[in-house]
Amino acid sequence: MAPAEKAFRRGDDRAAIEAFGCGVLGEKRFKALSKQRYEQVWENRAPDRAQMLGVGFPPLSDQEVARVTQPVLLLSGAESPAIFIRLNQHLLHLLPDASHQTVPNASHLLHEDAPEAFQSAVAVFLAAED
């Protein structure tokens, strides 16, 4: 997020969106966005700018996360940047009732990259919780 924040601070929204998009999706996936999907990202950049130039995410401790007792499904795209996969592994360790699945052929936008696999994983998880 630091390169995106720096670009937003200097008023270069295009560079900020590219830095953020490549960081979140991976360069290959970001560069492969359709023109229409990129325009959607561009038109919705204000919240990203506000978050990066504002106070950011509030602190959240491991102890607070570990207090979540509801069943949790953690999904990772097999092509997600490593930071998201490590984050889900850490959450899996902390959450007392969590399960994790990796969705093949997907990055951070699982629901767009692999909608059928995403829907199936969620449906199976919800059915098990009934």
Protein backbone atom coordinates (compact mmCIF):
# COMPACT_ATOMS: atom_id res chain seq x y z
CA MET A 1 0.00 0.00 0.00
CA ALA A 2 2.93 2.35 0.55
CA PRO A 3 3.62 2.93 -3.18
CA ALA A 4 -0.08 3.57 -3.78
CA GLU A 5 -0.23 5.98 -0.85
CA LYS A 6 2.80 7.90 -2.17
CA ALA A 7 1.24 8.14 -5.63
CA PHE A 8 -2.07 9.38 -4.20
CA ARG A 9 -0.18 11.98 -2.13
CA ARG A 10 1.50 13.37 -5.23
CA GLY A 11 -1.84 13.40 -7.09
CA ASP A 12 -1.01 10.54 -9.48
CA ASP A 13 -4.16 8.47 -9.18
CA ARG A 14 -3.29 6.27 -12.19
CA ALA A 15 0.00 5.20 -10.60
CA ALA A 16 -1.74 4.71 -7.26
CA ILE A 17 -4.40 2.45 -8.74
CA GLU A 18 -1.78 0.45 -10.63
CA ALA A 19 0.37 0.01 -7.51
CA PHE A 20 -2.63 -0.95 -5.40
CA GLY A 21 -4.10 -3.23 -8.08
CA CYS A 22 -0.81 -5.04 -8.67
CA GLY A 23 -0.33 -5.41 -4.92
CA VAL A 24 -3.78 -6.85 -4.34
CA LEU A 25 -4.26 -8.93 -7.48
CA GLY A 26 -0.71 -9.54 -8.61
CA GLU A 27 0.68 -7.80 -11.68
CA LYS A 28 -0.46 -10.47 -14.14
CA ARG A 29 -4.07 -10.41 -12.94
CA PHE A 30 -4.22 -6.62 -12.69
CA LYS A 31 -2.85 -6.14 -16.20
CA ALA A 32 -5.41 -8.68 -17.49
CA LEU A 33 -8.44 -6.74 -16.20
CA SER A 34 -10.89 -5.97 -18.95
CA LYS A 35 -11.23 -2.33 -20.00
CA GLN A 36 -14.69 -2.28 -18.44
CA ARG A 37 -13.45 -3.75 -15.13
CA TYR A 38 -10.51 -1.33 -15.03
CA GLU A 39 -12.90 1.60 -15.59
CA GLN A 40 -14.97 0.35 -12.65
CA VAL A 41 -11.83 0.29 -10.48
CA TRP A 42 -10.91 3.76 -11.69
CA GLU A 43 -14.37 5.21 -11.03
CA ASN A 44 -14.37 3.73 -7.52
CA ARG A 45 -10.89 4.89 -6.48
CA ALA A 46 -12.09 7.51 -3.96
CA PRO A 47 -12.50 5.04 -1.05
CA ASP A 48 -9.02 3.62 -1.70
CA ARG A 49 -7.58 7.13 -1.72
CA ALA A 50 -9.45 8.06 1.46
CA GLN A 51 -8.26 4.95 3.27
CA MET A 52 -4.65 5.38 2.24
CA LEU A 53 -4.52 9.07 3.01
CA GLY A 54 -6.59 8.78 6.18
CA VAL A 55 -6.01 6.85 9.36
CA GLY A 56 -6.09 3.44 7.66
CA PHE A 57 -7.40 0.27 9.22
CA PRO A 58 -8.00 0.31 12.97
CA PRO A 59 -5.75 -1.97 15.00
CA LEU A 60 -6.92 -5.56 15.45
CA SER A 61 -5.03 -7.83 17.81
CA ASP A 62 -4.61 -11.58 17.58
CA GLN A 63 -6.47 -11.85 20.89
CA GLU A 64 -9.48 -10.02 19.45
CA VAL A 65 -9.53 -12.26 16.40
CA ALA A 66 -9.28 -15.39 18.55
CA ARG A 67 -12.48 -14.39 20.36
CA VAL A 68 -14.52 -14.98 17.21
CA THR A 69 -16.30 -18.27 17.89
CA GLN A 70 -18.58 -18.46 14.86
CA PRO A 71 -17.60 -20.85 12.09
CA VAL A 72 -15.46 -19.06 9.51
CA LEU A 73 -14.62 -20.03 5.96
CA LEU A 74 -11.32 -18.62 4.73
CA LEU A 75 -10.78 -18.70 0.98
CA SER A 76 -7.54 -18.03 -0.86
CA GLY A 77 -7.02 -17.74 -4.56
CA ALA A 78 -4.18 -20.00 -5.65
CA GLU A 79 -2.78 -17.04 -7.61
CA SER A 80 -3.29 -14.46 -4.86
CA PRO A 81 -0.28 -12.47 -3.73
CA ALA A 82 1.54 -14.37 -0.99
CA ILE A 83 0.60 -11.85 1.68
CA PHE A 84 -3.08 -12.85 1.46
CA ILE A 85 -2.28 -16.55 1.65
CA ARG A 86 -0.08 -15.94 4.71
CA LEU A 87 -2.82 -13.82 6.27
CA ASN A 88 -5.38 -16.59 5.83
CA GLN A 89 -2.96 -19.14 7.30
CA HIS A 90 -2.46 -16.86 10.31
CA LEU A 91 -6.23 -16.41 10.71
CA LEU A 92 -6.71 -20.18 10.44
CA HIS A 93 -4.29 -20.57 13.34
CA LEU A 94 -6.09 -17.92 15.44
CA LEU A 95 -9.75 -18.68 14.80
CA PRO A 96 -11.07 -21.57 16.88
CA ASP A 97 -13.65 -22.74 14.29
CA ALA A 98 -12.17 -21.89 10.91
CA SER A 99 -11.61 -23.85 7.76
CA HIS A 100 -9.56 -22.87 4.72
CA GLN A 101 -9.79 -23.68 1.04
CA THR A 102 -7.64 -22.63 -1.87
CA VAL A 103 -9.50 -21.87 -5.09
CA PRO A 104 -7.51 -22.80 -8.21
CA ASN A 105 -7.15 -20.36 -11.10
CA ALA A 106 -8.09 -17.37 -8.95
CA SER A 107 -6.45 -14.36 -7.41
CA HIS A 108 -7.82 -12.06 -4.72
CA LEU A 109 -11.10 -11.58 -6.63
CA LEU A 110 -12.16 -15.20 -6.23
CA HIS A 111 -15.80 -14.49 -6.94
CA GLU A 112 -14.84 -13.00 -10.33
CA ASP A 113 -11.95 -15.24 -11.31
CA ALA A 114 -13.59 -18.55 -10.42
CA PRO A 115 -17.27 -17.90 -9.65
CA GLU A 116 -18.39 -21.53 -9.79
CA ALA A 117 -15.65 -22.74 -7.43
CA PHE A 118 -16.27 -19.79 -5.12
CA GLN A 119 -20.02 -20.42 -5.04
CA SER A 120 -19.52 -24.13 -4.47
CA ALA A 121 -17.12 -23.58 -1.54
CA VAL A 122 -19.53 -21.14 0.10
CA ALA A 123 -22.56 -23.38 -0.49
CA VAL A 124 -20.81 -26.42 1.02
CA PHE A 125 -19.71 -24.35 4.03
CA LEU A 126 -23.20 -22.97 4.61
CA ALA A 127 -24.85 -26.37 4.20
CA ALA A 128 -22.53 -27.83 6.83
CA GLU A 129 -23.56 -25.05 9.23
CA ASP A 130 -27.33 -25.73 8.94
